[in-house]
Amino acid sequence: MKDELICRLETFLEDQDFGKNWDGAYQDAVPTLRRYLDAEGYLTLIMHELESESRDTELVATKESMVIRIPWGEDSNGKSVVNLRRIEVRRPKHPEADSQA
């Protein structure tokens, strides 16, 4: 599932003229990915690095059965870069499960 999602996102970005170099993440790639995920029915938000599990700023997309976390950070040249290989896909936590434990 993760590899299929990465492939779909890569294809989408390439179709949007990003090629293989997705630097300028915050200005370009992340808003484009966010519009794509919103159109796919996900609720999206930007999670600050201090609040995220990865300690990177993340685009978080949530749907009934899935949570997608796309972190981005800076490369060695100080450019913000999206690395889709670090994407996390998981099932959402349900509050009822926490209260039953």
Protein backbone atom coordinates (compact mmCIF):
# COMPACT_ATOMS: atom_id res chain seq x y z
CA MET A 1 0.00 0.00 0.00
CA LYS A 2 2.80 2.43 0.89
CA ASP A 3 4.73 1.79 -2.33
CA GLU A 4 1.56 2.21 -4.39
CA LEU A 5 0.81 5.53 -2.67
CA ILE A 6 4.37 6.77 -3.18
CA CYS A 7 4.14 5.84 -6.86
CA ARG A 8 0.83 7.74 -7.24
CA LEU A 9 2.24 10.82 -5.49
CA GLU A 10 5.45 10.75 -7.55
CA THR A 11 3.47 10.45 -10.77
CA PHE A 12 1.22 13.31 -9.72
CA LEU A 13 4.19 15.57 -8.91
CA GLU A 14 5.93 14.69 -12.16
CA ASP A 15 2.72 15.50 -14.07
CA GLN A 16 2.72 18.88 -12.30
CA ASP A 17 6.19 19.60 -13.75
CA PHE A 18 8.15 18.89 -10.57
CA GLY A 19 10.33 16.24 -12.20
CA LYS A 20 12.39 14.32 -9.63
CA ASN A 21 13.66 17.34 -7.65
CA TRP A 22 11.07 18.39 -5.09
CA ASP A 23 12.97 21.13 -3.32
CA GLY A 24 11.15 24.24 -2.25
CA ALA A 25 8.86 21.86 -0.39
CA TYR A 26 6.95 24.37 1.66
CA GLN A 27 6.37 26.76 -1.23
CA ASP A 28 5.66 24.27 -4.03
CA ALA A 29 5.52 20.52 -3.43
CA VAL A 30 3.65 20.44 -0.11
CA PRO A 31 0.79 22.73 -1.22
CA THR A 32 0.48 20.67 -4.42
CA LEU A 33 0.42 17.39 -2.48
CA ARG A 34 -2.09 18.90 -0.08
CA ARG A 35 -4.46 19.88 -2.90
CA TYR A 36 -4.14 16.36 -4.35
CA LEU A 37 -4.91 14.68 -1.01
CA ASP A 38 -7.78 17.10 -0.31
CA ALA A 39 -9.26 16.17 -3.71
CA GLU A 40 -8.91 12.48 -2.76
CA GLY A 41 -11.12 13.08 0.30
CA TYR A 42 -8.43 13.40 3.00
CA LEU A 43 -8.46 16.02 5.73
CA THR A 44 -5.01 17.63 5.72
CA LEU A 45 -2.98 19.73 8.12
CA ILE A 46 0.59 20.87 8.56
CA MET A 47 2.10 19.55 11.78
CA HIS A 48 4.96 21.58 13.27
CA GLU A 49 8.20 19.75 13.98
CA LEU A 50 7.78 20.14 17.74
CA GLU A 51 4.42 18.33 17.62
CA SER A 52 5.29 15.55 15.16
CA GLU A 53 6.60 12.11 16.05
CA SER A 54 9.36 12.34 13.43
CA ARG A 55 10.51 15.76 14.73
CA ASP A 56 10.23 17.03 11.13
CA THR A 57 7.50 19.29 9.87
CA GLU A 58 4.89 17.03 8.28
CA LEU A 59 1.91 17.14 5.99
CA VAL A 60 -0.63 14.88 7.71
CA ALA A 61 -3.60 13.55 5.71
CA THR A 62 -6.39 11.61 7.41
CA LYS A 63 -9.22 9.55 5.97
CA GLU A 64 -11.48 7.05 7.77
CA SER A 65 -9.14 4.10 7.30
CA MET A 66 -5.74 5.74 6.83
CA VAL A 67 -3.33 8.37 8.13
CA ILE A 68 -0.54 9.53 5.82
CA ARG A 69 2.40 11.47 7.25
CA ILE A 70 4.75 13.16 4.76
CA PRO A 71 7.76 14.72 6.50
CA TRP A 72 10.03 17.30 4.94
CA GLY A 73 13.18 19.00 6.04
CA GLU A 74 16.28 20.74 4.78
CA ASP A 75 19.00 19.22 2.63
CA SER A 76 22.70 20.04 3.06
CA ASN A 77 22.22 23.21 0.98
CA GLY A 78 19.46 24.51 3.24
CA LYS A 79 16.67 23.84 0.73
CA SER A 80 13.43 22.35 2.01
CA VAL A 81 12.95 18.92 0.46
CA VAL A 82 10.13 16.36 0.46
CA ASN A 83 11.39 12.77 0.71
CA LEU A 84 8.47 10.52 -0.20
CA ARG A 85 10.48 7.43 0.81
CA ARG A 86 10.06 8.55 4.46
CA ILE A 87 6.27 8.64 4.16
CA GLU A 88 4.33 6.83 6.88
CA VAL A 89 1.00 5.14 6.26
CA ARG A 90 -1.00 3.76 9.18
CA ARG A 91 -4.46 3.16 10.50
CA PRO A 92 -5.86 5.99 12.63
CA LYS A 93 -6.07 5.60 16.39
CA HIS A 94 -9.61 5.36 17.68
CA PRO A 95 -10.39 7.06 21.00
CA GLU A 96 -12.68 4.19 22.01
CA ALA A 97 -9.76 1.75 21.88
CA ASP A 98 -7.75 3.95 24.25
CA SER A 99 -10.59 4.14 26.78
CA GLN A 100 -11.02 0.35 26.80
CA ALA A 101 -7.36 -0.33 27.63
